[in-house]
PDB file of N, CA and C in Angstrom:
ATOM      1  N   MET A   1     -92.091  52.287  -3.967  1.00  0.00           N
ATOM      2  CA  MET A   1     -91.712  50.302  -3.560  1.00  0.00           C
ATOM      3  C   MET A   1     -90.096  50.452  -3.587  1.00  0.00           C
ATOM      4  N   VAL A   2     -88.983  51.095  -4.022  1.00  0.00           N
ATOM      5  CA  VAL A   2     -87.928  51.419  -3.726  1.00  0.00           C
ATOM      6  C   VAL A   2     -87.638  51.503  -2.809  1.00  0.00           C
ATOM      7  N   ARG A   3     -88.598  52.825  -2.082  1.00  0.00           N
ATOM      8  CA  ARG A   3     -88.177  52.513  -0.511  1.00  0.00           C
ATOM      9  C   ARG A   3     -88.305  51.761   0.447  1.00  0.00           C
ATOM     10  N   GLN A   4     -88.725  51.092  -0.075  1.00  0.00           N
ATOM     11  CA  GLN A   4     -89.705  49.681   1.374  1.00  0.00           C
ATOM     12  C   GLN A   4     -88.258  48.964   0.416  1.00  0.00           C
ATOM     13  N   ARG A   5     -87.794  48.701  -0.197  1.00  0.00           N
ATOM     14  CA  ARG A   5     -86.994  47.495  -0.287  1.00  0.00           C
ATOM     15  C   ARG A   5     -85.743  47.975   0.213  1.00  0.00           C
ATOM     16  N   HIS A   6     -85.697  48.983  -0.071  1.00  0.00           N
ATOM     17  CA  HIS A   6     -84.300  49.692   0.751  1.00  0.00           C
ATOM     18  C   HIS A   6     -84.310  49.473   2.400  1.00  0.00           C
ATOM     19  N   GLU A   7     -85.528  49.498   3.066  1.00  0.00           N
ATOM     20  CA  GLU A   7     -85.205  48.986   4.543  1.00  0.00           C
ATOM     21  C   GLU A   7     -85.705  48.020   4.526  1.00  0.00           C
ATOM     22  N   GLU A   8     -86.027  47.019   3.044  1.00  0.00           N
ATOM     23  CA  GLU A   8     -86.319  45.748   4.193  1.00  0.00           C
ATOM     24  C   GLU A   8     -84.395  45.462   3.576  1.00  0.00           C
ATOM     25  N   ASN A   9     -84.078  46.211   3.297  1.00  0.00           N
ATOM     26  CA  ASN A   9     -82.390  45.878   3.034  1.00  0.00           C
ATOM     27  C   ASN A   9     -81.909  45.930   3.761  1.00  0.00           C
ATOM     28  N   ASP A  10     -82.012  46.991   5.049  1.00  0.00           N
ATOM     29  CA  ASP A  10     -81.637  47.346   6.134  1.00  0.00           C
ATOM     30  C   ASP A  10     -81.657  46.438   6.678  1.00  0.00           C
ATOM     31  N   TYR A  11     -82.906  45.980   6.916  1.00  0.00           N
ATOM     32  CA  TYR A  11     -83.254  45.113   8.503  1.00  0.00           C
ATOM     33  C   TYR A  11     -81.953  43.556   7.925  1.00  0.00           C
ATOM     34  N   LEU A  12     -82.244  43.404   6.162  1.00  0.00           N
ATOM     35  CA  LEU A  12     -81.698  42.046   6.430  1.00  0.00           C
ATOM     36  C   LEU A  12     -79.941  42.756   6.664  1.00  0.00           C
ATOM     37  N   CYS A  13     -79.242  43.391   6.459  1.00  0.00           N
ATOM     38  CA  CYS A  13     -77.885  43.765   6.623  1.00  0.00           C
ATOM     39  C   CYS A  13     -77.579  44.212   8.670  1.00  0.00           C
ATOM     40  N   LYS A  14     -78.432  44.349   9.226  1.00  0.00           N
ATOM     41  CA  LYS A  14     -79.024  44.660  10.904  1.00  0.00           C
ATOM     42  C   LYS A  14     -78.949  43.317  11.152  1.00  0.00           C
ATOM     43  N   TYR A  15     -80.319  42.462  10.456  1.00  0.00           N
ATOM     44  CA  TYR A  15     -79.883  40.778  10.695  1.00  0.00           C
ATOM     45  C   TYR A  15     -78.344  39.880  10.470  1.00  0.00           C
ATOM     46  N   LYS A  16     -78.295  40.323   9.849  1.00  0.00           N
ATOM     47  CA  LYS A  16     -76.953  39.766   8.896  1.00  0.00           C
ATOM     48  C   LYS A  16     -75.602  40.039  10.404  1.00  0.00           C
ATOM     49  N   SER A  17     -75.822  40.810  10.076  1.00  0.00           N
ATOM     50  CA  SER A  17     -74.627  41.655  10.918  1.00  0.00           C
ATOM     51  C   SER A  17     -74.628  41.035  12.110  1.00  0.00           C
ATOM     52  N   SER A  18     -75.819  41.005  13.222  1.00  0.00           N
ATOM     53  CA  SER A  18     -75.709  40.929  14.476  1.00  0.00           C
ATOM     54  C   SER A  18     -75.117  39.051  14.417  1.00  0.00           C
ATOM     55  N   GLN A  19     -75.191  38.251  13.098  1.00  0.00           N
ATOM     56  CA  GLN A  19     -74.944  37.314  13.069  1.00  0.00           C
ATOM     57  C   GLN A  19     -73.480  36.851  12.661  1.00  0.00           C
ATOM     58  N   MET A  20     -72.635  38.040  12.517  1.00  0.00           N
ATOM     59  CA  MET A  20     -71.089  37.688  12.680  1.00  0.00           C
ATOM     60  C   MET A  20     -70.483  37.523  13.997  1.00  0.00           C
ATOM     61  N   LYS A  21     -69.635  36.439  13.508  1.00  0.00           N
ATOM     62  CA  LYS A  21     -68.798  36.260  14.476  1.00  0.00           C
ATOM     63  C   LYS A  21     -67.057  36.350  14.651  1.00  0.00           C
ATOM     64  N   LEU A  22     -66.273  36.417  15.424  1.00  0.00           N
ATOM     65  CA  LEU A  22     -65.508  36.726  15.434  1.00  0.00           C
ATOM     66  C   LEU A  22     -64.448  35.345  15.164  1.00  0.00           C
ATOM     67  N   GLU A  23     -63.267  35.461  13.667  1.00  0.00           N
ATOM     68  CA  GLU A  23     -62.550  34.192  13.787  1.00  0.00           C
ATOM     69  C   GLU A  23     -61.996  33.380  15.103  1.00  0.00           C
ATOM     70  N   GLU A  24     -61.616  31.859  14.413  1.00  0.00           N
ATOM     71  CA  GLU A  24     -61.293  31.405  16.010  1.00  0.00           C
ATOM     72  C   GLU A  24     -59.776  32.372  17.061  1.00  0.00           C
ATOM     73  N   LYS A  25     -58.799  33.086  15.342  1.00  0.00           N
ATOM     74  CA  LYS A  25     -57.745  33.570  15.998  1.00  0.00           C
ATOM     75  C   LYS A  25     -58.368  34.885  16.561  1.00  0.00           C
ATOM     76  N   GLU A  26     -58.655  35.186  15.924  1.00  0.00           N
ATOM     77  CA  GLU A  26     -59.453  36.711  16.674  1.00  0.00           C
ATOM     78  C   GLU A  26     -59.722  36.632  17.883  1.00  0.00           C
ATOM     79  N   LEU A  27     -60.305  35.387  18.020  1.00  0.00           N
ATOM     80  CA  LEU A  27     -61.185  35.414  19.607  1.00  0.00           C
ATOM     81  C   LEU A  27     -59.622  34.957  20.274  1.00  0.00           C
ATOM     82  N   LYS A  28     -59.670  33.871  20.583  1.00  0.00           N
ATOM     83  CA  LYS A  28     -58.309  33.383  21.082  1.00  0.00           C
ATOM     84  C   LYS A  28     -56.989  34.679  21.470  1.00  0.00           C
ATOM     85  N   SER A  29     -56.842  35.599  20.644  1.00  0.00           N
ATOM     86  CA  SER A  29     -56.031  36.515  20.578  1.00  0.00           C
ATOM     87  C   SER A  29     -56.442  37.675  22.288  1.00  0.00           C
ATOM     88  N   LEU A  30     -58.210  38.299  21.168  1.00  0.00           N
ATOM     89  CA  LEU A  30     -58.811  39.013  22.554  1.00  0.00           C
ATOM     90  C   LEU A  30     -59.041  37.930  23.689  1.00  0.00           C
ATOM     91  N   ARG A  31     -59.218  36.667  24.224  1.00  0.00           N
ATOM     92  CA  ARG A  31     -59.066  36.251  25.319  1.00  0.00           C
ATOM     93  C   ARG A  31     -57.850  35.935  25.935  1.00  0.00           C
ATOM     94  N   ASP A  32     -56.999  35.751  25.411  1.00  0.00           N
ATOM     95  CA  ASP A  32     -55.638  35.657  25.865  1.00  0.00           C
ATOM     96  C   ASP A  32     -55.262  37.042  26.754  1.00  0.00           C
ATOM     97  N   LEU A  33     -55.516  37.968  26.011  1.00  0.00           N
ATOM     98  CA  LEU A  33     -55.798  39.744  26.190  1.00  0.00           C
ATOM     99  C   LEU A  33     -55.939  40.075  27.241  1.00  0.00           C
ATOM    100  N   ASN A  34     -57.094  39.805  27.139  1.00  0.00           N
ATOM    101  CA  ASN A  34     -58.216  39.524  28.292  1.00  0.00           C
ATOM    102  C   ASN A  34     -57.522  38.872  29.492  1.00  0.00           C
ATOM    103  N   SER A  35     -57.543  38.285  29.199  1.00  0.00           N
ATOM    104  CA  SER A  35     -56.712  36.941  30.979  1.00  0.00           C
ATOM    105  C   SER A  35     -55.269  37.892  31.008  1.00  0.00           C
ATOM    106  N   GLU A  36     -54.622  38.060  29.947  1.00  0.00           N
ATOM    107  CA  GLU A  36     -53.490  39.187  30.837  1.00  0.00           C
ATOM    108  C   GLU A  36     -53.352  40.183  31.770  1.00  0.00           C
ATOM    109  N   PHE A  37     -54.391  41.249  31.014  1.00  0.00           N
ATOM    110  CA  PHE A  37     -54.554  41.881  31.756  1.00  0.00           C
ATOM    111  C   PHE A  37     -55.302  42.162  33.104  1.00  0.00           C
ATOM    112  N   GLN A  38     -56.664  41.232  33.703  1.00  0.00           N
ATOM    113  CA  GLN A  38     -57.003  40.551  34.460  1.00  0.00           C
ATOM    114  C   GLN A  38     -55.924  40.274  35.399  1.00  0.00           C
ATOM    115  N   SER A  39     -54.666  39.386  34.778  1.00  0.00           N
ATOM    116  CA  SER A  39     -54.050  38.568  35.647  1.00  0.00           C
ATOM    117  C   SER A  39     -53.053  39.990  36.111  1.00  0.00           C
ATOM    118  N   LEU A  40     -53.026  40.581  35.020  1.00  0.00           N
ATOM    119  CA  LEU A  40     -51.686  41.487  35.955  1.00  0.00           C
ATOM    120  C   LEU A  40     -52.256  42.972  36.732  1.00  0.00           C
ATOM    121  N   LYS A  41     -53.964  43.859  36.844  1.00  0.00           N
ATOM    122  CA  LYS A  41     -54.218  43.191  37.663  1.00  0.00           C
ATOM    123  C   LYS A  41     -54.161  42.960  39.105  1.00  0.00           C
ATOM    124  N   VAL A  42     -54.558  41.565  38.760  1.00  0.00           N
ATOM    125  CA  VAL A  42     -54.370  41.133  41.001  1.00  0.00           C
ATOM    126  C   VAL A  42     -52.774  41.436  40.832  1.00  0.00           C
ATOM    127  N   GLN A  43     -51.516  40.958  39.732  1.00  0.00           N
ATOM    128  CA  GLN A  43     -50.472  40.995  40.459  1.00  0.00           C
ATOM    129  C   GLN A  43     -50.238  42.677  40.876  1.00  0.00           C
ATOM    130  N   LEU A  44     -50.411  43.687  40.751  1.00  0.00           N
ATOM    131  CA  LEU A  44     -50.581  44.956  40.859  1.00  0.00           C
ATOM    132  C   LEU A  44     -51.701  45.143  42.218  1.00  0.00           C
ATOM    133  N   GLY A  45     -52.333  44.177  42.493  1.00  0.00           N
ATOM    134  CA  GLY A  45     -53.028  44.493  43.708  1.00  0.00           C
ATOM    135  C   GLY A  45     -52.196  44.123  45.125  1.00  0.00           C
ATOM    136  N   GLU A  46     -51.596  42.916  44.409  1.00  0.00           N
ATOM    137  CA  GLU A  46     -50.574  42.247  45.533  1.00  0.00           C
ATOM    138  C   GLU A  46     -49.880  42.804  45.556  1.00  0.00           C
ATOM    139  N   LEU A  47     -49.323  43.660  44.924  1.00  0.00           N
ATOM    140  CA  LEU A  47     -47.923  44.257  44.961  1.00  0.00           C
ATOM    141  C   LEU A  47     -47.892  45.387  45.753  1.00  0.00           C
ATOM    142  N   SER A  48     -49.130  46.146  45.983  1.00  0.00           N
ATOM    143  CA  SER A  48     -49.601  47.081  46.432  1.00  0.00           C
ATOM    144  C   SER A  48     -49.697  46.276  47.960  1.00  0.00           C
ATOM    145  N   ILE A  49     -50.430  45.482  48.420  1.00  0.00           N
ATOM    146  CA  ILE A  49     -50.706  44.887  49.763  1.00  0.00           C
ATOM    147  C   ILE A  49     -48.994  44.573  49.740  1.00  0.00           C
ATOM    148  N   GLN A  50     -47.855  44.794  49.335  1.00  0.00           N
ATOM    149  CA  GLN A  50     -46.854  43.874  49.441  1.00  0.00           C
ATOM    150  C   GLN A  50     -46.040  45.221  49.892  1.00  0.00           C
ATOM    151  N   LYS A  51     -46.265  46.231  49.260  1.00  0.00           N
ATOM    152  CA  LYS A  51     -45.839  47.854  49.217  1.00  0.00           C
ATOM    153  C   LYS A  51     -46.153  47.971  50.741  1.00  0.00           C
ATOM    154  N   ASN A  52     -47.392  48.398  50.824  1.00  0.00           N
ATOM    155  CA  ASN A  52     -47.824  48.530  52.387  1.00  0.00           C
ATOM    156  C   ASN A  52     -46.946  47.380  53.653  1.00  0.00           C
ATOM    157  N   SER A  53     -47.177  46.862  53.302  1.00  0.00           N
ATOM    158  CA  SER A  53     -46.386  45.697  54.637  1.00  0.00           C
ATOM    159  C   SER A  53     -44.501  46.222  54.942  1.00  0.00           C
ATOM    160  N   VAL A  54     -44.171  46.395  53.822  1.00  0.00           N
ATOM    161  CA  VAL A  54     -43.151  46.312  53.660  1.00  0.00           C
ATOM    162  C   VAL A  54     -42.912  48.203  54.298  1.00  0.00           C
ATOM    163  N   LEU A  55     -43.567  48.535  53.854  1.00  0.00           N
ATOM    164  CA  LEU A  55     -43.064  50.122  54.094  1.00  0.00           C
ATOM    165  C   LEU A  55     -43.731  50.509  56.034  1.00  0.00           C
ATOM    166  N   LYS A  56     -44.816  49.635  56.443  1.00  0.00           N
ATOM    167  CA  LYS A  56     -44.905  49.840  57.721  1.00  0.00           C
ATOM    168  C   LYS A  56     -44.021  49.113  58.619  1.00  0.00           C
ATOM    169  N   ARG A  57     -43.025  47.613  58.160  1.00  0.00           N
ATOM    170  CA  ARG A  57     -41.879  47.166  58.659  1.00  0.00           C
ATOM    171  C   ARG A  57     -40.381  48.686  58.834  1.00  0.00           C
ATOM    172  N   VAL A  58     -40.471  49.158  57.881  1.00  0.00           N
ATOM    173  CA  VAL A  58     -40.043  50.291  57.320  1.00  0.00           C
ATOM    174  C   VAL A  58     -39.624  51.038  58.201  1.00  0.00           C
ATOM    175  N   ASP A  59     -40.414  51.319  59.032  1.00  0.00           N
ATOM    176  CA  ASP A  59     -41.009  51.999  59.974  1.00  0.00           C
ATOM    177  C   ASP A  59     -41.307  51.573  61.572  1.00  0.00           C
ATOM    178  N   LEU A  60     -41.141  50.316  61.424  1.00  0.00           N
ATOM    179  CA  LEU A  60     -40.793  49.712  62.617  1.00  0.00           C
ATOM    180  C   LEU A  60     -39.251  49.562  63.331  1.00  0.00           C
ATOM    181  N   ILE A  61     -38.313  49.570  62.041  1.00  0.00           N
ATOM    182  CA  ILE A  61     -37.195  49.316  62.061  1.00  0.00           C
ATOM    183  C   ILE A  61     -37.016  50.821  62.385  1.00  0.00           C
ATOM    184  N   ARG A  62     -37.577  51.487  62.097  1.00  0.00           N
ATOM    185  CA  ARG A  62     -36.851  53.341  62.372  1.00  0.00           C
ATOM    186  C   ARG A  62     -37.026  53.535  63.700  1.00  0.00           C
ATOM    187  N   VAL A  63     -38.471  52.548  63.416  1.00  0.00           N
ATOM    188  CA  VAL A  63     -38.215  53.247  65.836  1.00  0.00           C
ATOM    189  C   VAL A  63     -37.210  52.336  66.343  1.00  0.00           C
ATOM    190  N   GLU A  64     -37.454  50.906  65.827  1.00  0.00           N
ATOM    191  CA  GLU A  64     -36.340  50.012  66.563  1.00  0.00           C
ATOM    192  C   GLU A  64     -34.432  50.981  66.706  1.00  0.00           C
ATOM    193  N   PHE A  65     -35.034  51.259  65.601  1.00  0.00           N
ATOM    194  CA  PHE A  65     -32.975  52.119  65.002  1.00  0.00           C
ATOM    195  C   PHE A  65     -32.947  53.088  66.119  1.00  0.00           C
ATOM    196  N   GLU A  66     -34.146  53.760  65.987  1.00  0.00           N
ATOM    197  CA  GLU A  66     -33.595  55.281  67.153  1.00  0.00           C
ATOM    198  C   GLU A  66     -33.411  54.599  68.463  1.00  0.00           C
ATOM    199  N   SER A  67     -34.259  53.817  68.979  1.00  0.00           N
ATOM    200  CA  SER A  67     -34.630  53.903  70.374  1.00  0.00           C
ATOM    201  C   SER A  67     -33.273  53.101  70.862  1.00  0.00           C
ATOM    202  N   LEU A  68     -32.634  52.463  69.821  1.00  0.00           N
ATOM    203  CA  LEU A  68     -31.413  51.369  70.240  1.00  0.00           C
ATOM    204  C   LEU A  68     -29.939  52.912  69.518  1.00  0.00           C
ATOM    205  N   GLU A  69     -30.518  53.720  69.159  1.00  0.00           N
ATOM    206  CA  GLU A  69     -29.198  54.646  68.956  1.00  0.00           C
ATOM    207  C   GLU A  69     -29.348  55.297  70.247  1.00  0.00           C
ATOM    208  N   ASN A  70     -30.451  56.220  70.846  1.00  0.00           N
ATOM    209  CA  ASN A  70     -30.519  56.449  72.156  1.00  0.00           C
ATOM    210  C   ASN A  70     -29.852  55.642  73.226  1.00  0.00           C
ATOM    211  N   GLU A  71     -29.801  54.882  73.182  1.00  0.00           N
ATOM    212  CA  GLU A  71     -29.349  53.927  73.973  1.00  0.00           C
ATOM    213  C   GLU A  71     -27.752  53.798  74.422  1.00  0.00           C
ATOM    214  N   LEU A  72     -27.383  53.597  73.128  1.00  0.00           N
ATOM    215  CA  LEU A  72     -25.842  54.260  72.401  1.00  0.00           C
ATOM    216  C   LEU A  72     -25.340  54.827  72.956  1.00  0.00           C
ATOM    217  N   ILE A  73     -26.292  56.266  72.518  1.00  0.00           N
ATOM    218  CA  ILE A  73     -25.627  57.425  72.296  1.00  0.00           C
ATOM    219  C   ILE A  73     -25.653  57.704  73.856  1.00  0.00           C
ATOM    220  N   LYS A  74     -26.277  57.133  74.901  1.00  0.00           N
ATOM    221  CA  LYS A  74     -25.897  56.898  76.660  1.00  0.00           C
ATOM    222  C   LYS A  74     -25.150  56.188  76.796  1.00  0.00           C
ATOM    223  N   LYS A  75     -25.155  55.270  76.169  1.00  0.00           N
ATOM    224  CA  LYS A  75     -24.088  54.213  76.954  1.00  0.00           C
ATOM    225  C   LYS A  75     -22.524  55.303  76.166  1.00  0.00           C
ATOM    226  N   TYR A  76     -22.128  55.187  75.240  1.00  0.00           N
ATOM    227  CA  TYR A  76     -21.330  55.816  75.047  1.00  0.00           C
ATOM    228  C   TYR A  76     -20.543  57.001  74.263  1.00  0.00           C
ATOM    229  N   GLY A  77     -22.061  58.140  74.361  1.00  0.00           N
ATOM    230  CA  GLY A  77     -21.855  59.494  74.386  1.00  0.00           C
ATOM    231  C   GLY A  77     -21.986  59.913  72.844  1.00  0.00           C
ATOM    232  N   GLU A  78     -22.710  61.136  72.600  1.00  0.00           N
ATOM    233  CA  GLU A  78     -23.086  62.237  71.435  1.00  0.00           C
ATOM    234  C   GLU A  78     -21.618  61.835  70.505  1.00  0.00           C
ATOM    235  N   ASN A  79     -20.827  62.009  70.865  1.00  0.00           N
ATOM    236  CA  ASN A  79     -20.396  62.387  69.705  1.00  0.00           C
ATOM    237  C   ASN A  79     -18.796  60.780  69.149  1.00  0.00           C
ATOM    238  N   SER A  80     -19.746  59.578  69.909  1.00  0.00           N
ATOM    239  CA  SER A  80     -19.465  58.224  69.218  1.00  0.00           C
ATOM    240  C   SER A  80     -19.579  58.089  68.020  1.00  0.00           C
ATOM    241  N   VAL A  81     -18.757  56.805  67.197  1.00  0.00           N
ATOM    242  CA  VAL A  81     -18.972  56.772  66.131  1.00  0.00           C
ATOM    243  C   VAL A  81     -18.887  55.055  66.046  1.00  0.00           C
ATOM    244  N   ILE A  82     -19.642  54.521  65.122  1.00  0.00           N
ATOM    245  CA  ILE A  82     -19.800  52.972  65.647  1.00  0.00           C
ATOM    246  C   ILE A  82     -19.420  52.723  64.566  1.00  0.00           C
ATOM    247  N   ASN A  83     -18.278  51.867  63.877  1.00  0.00           N
ATOM    248  CA  ASN A  83     -18.014  51.060  62.709  1.00  0.00           C
ATOM    249  C   ASN A  83     -19.319  49.547  62.570  1.00  0.00           C
ATOM    250  N   LEU A  84     -19.449  49.482  62.195  1.00  0.00           N
ATOM    251  CA  LEU A  84     -21.284  48.586  61.723  1.00  0.00           C
ATOM    252  C   LEU A  84     -20.298  46.943  61.513  1.00  0.00           C
ATOM    253  N   GLU A  85     -19.122  47.083  60.797  1.00  0.00           N
ATOM    254  CA  GLU A  85     -18.527  46.007  60.774  1.00  0.00           C
ATOM    255  C   GLU A  85     -18.253  45.557  61.593  1.00  0.00           C
ATOM    256  N   HIS A  86     -16.941  46.251  62.090  1.00  0.00           N
ATOM    257  CA  HIS A  86     -15.810  45.858  63.413  1.00  0.00           C
ATOM    258  C   HIS A  86     -16.642  45.485  64.212  1.00  0.00           C
ATOM    259  N   GLY A  87     -17.852  46.583  64.921  1.00  0.00           N
ATOM    260  CA  GLY A  87     -18.036  46.976  66.133  1.00  0.00           C
ATOM    261  C   GLY A  87     -17.367  47.857  67.141  1.00  0.00           C
ATOM    262  N   THR A  88     -16.061  48.402  66.528  1.00  0.00           N
ATOM    263  CA  THR A  88     -15.155  49.540  66.876  1.00  0.00           C
ATOM    264  C   THR A  88     -15.892  50.722  67.455  1.00  0.00           C
ATOM    265  N   ILE A  89     -15.374  51.099  68.603  1.00  0.00           N
ATOM    266  CA  ILE A  89     -15.972  52.638  68.412  1.00  0.00           C
ATOM    267  C   ILE A  89     -14.967  53.895  68.474  1.00  0.00           C
ATOM    268  N   THR A  90     -15.242  54.937  68.096  1.00  0.00           N
ATOM    269  CA  THR A  90     -14.132  55.882  67.700  1.00  0.00           C
ATOM    270  C   THR A  90     -14.844  57.448  68.471  1.00  0.00           C
ATOM    271  N   GLN A  91     -14.611  58.304  69.120  1.00  0.00           N
ATOM    272  CA  GLN A  91     -14.725  59.336  69.510  1.00  0.00           C
ATOM    273  C   GLN A  91     -14.662  60.096  68.554  1.00  0.00           C
ATOM    274  N   ASN A  92     -15.130  61.626  68.055  1.00  0.00           N
ATOM    275  CA  ASN A  92     -15.112  62.622  67.698  1.00  0.00           C
ATOM    276  C   ASN A  92     -14.647  62.305  66.170  1.00  0.00           C
ATOM    277  N   GLY A  93     -14.546  60.976  65.202  1.00  0.00           N
ATOM    278  CA  GLY A  93     -14.128  60.502  64.373  1.00  0.00           C
ATOM    279  C   GLY A  93     -12.687  60.577  64.334  1.00  0.00           C
ATOM    280  N   GLU A  94     -12.152  60.083  65.119  1.00  0.00           N
ATOM    281  CA  GLU A  94     -10.858  59.598  65.459  1.00  0.00           C
ATOM    282  C   GLU A  94     -10.392  57.509  65.606  1.00  0.00           C
ATOM    283  N   ASN A  95     -10.134  57.541  64.687  1.00  0.00           N
ATOM    284  CA  ASN A  95     -10.153  55.999  64.043  1.00  0.00           C
ATOM    285  C   ASN A  95      -8.829  55.366  65.829  1.00  0.00           C
ATOM    286  N   LYS A  96      -9.608  54.603  66.212  1.00  0.00           N
ATOM    287  CA  LYS A  96      -8.959  53.928  67.319  1.00  0.00           C
ATOM    288  C   LYS A  96      -8.033  52.526  66.998  1.00  0.00           C
TER     289      LYS A  96
END
């Protein structure tokens, strides 16, 4: 008999526990955190895409820079130094 009542109590406890609900404040906090987490995951994905785009652009600029640098070396010589602010060219690092 005692054993049977214990089993009935176990059943009632399981039944009661399956009917429990979070408090509204707890549920709101949980939903808010989950929403923010999801939003941050999306932002990370977007940043990853932007990063890849920027890296591709950097590679293109590097190629363009090397090409222009080779043209300028042919035109002004290998020892020429160009001042990017004024556009002046010096040879062997001498100021003119």
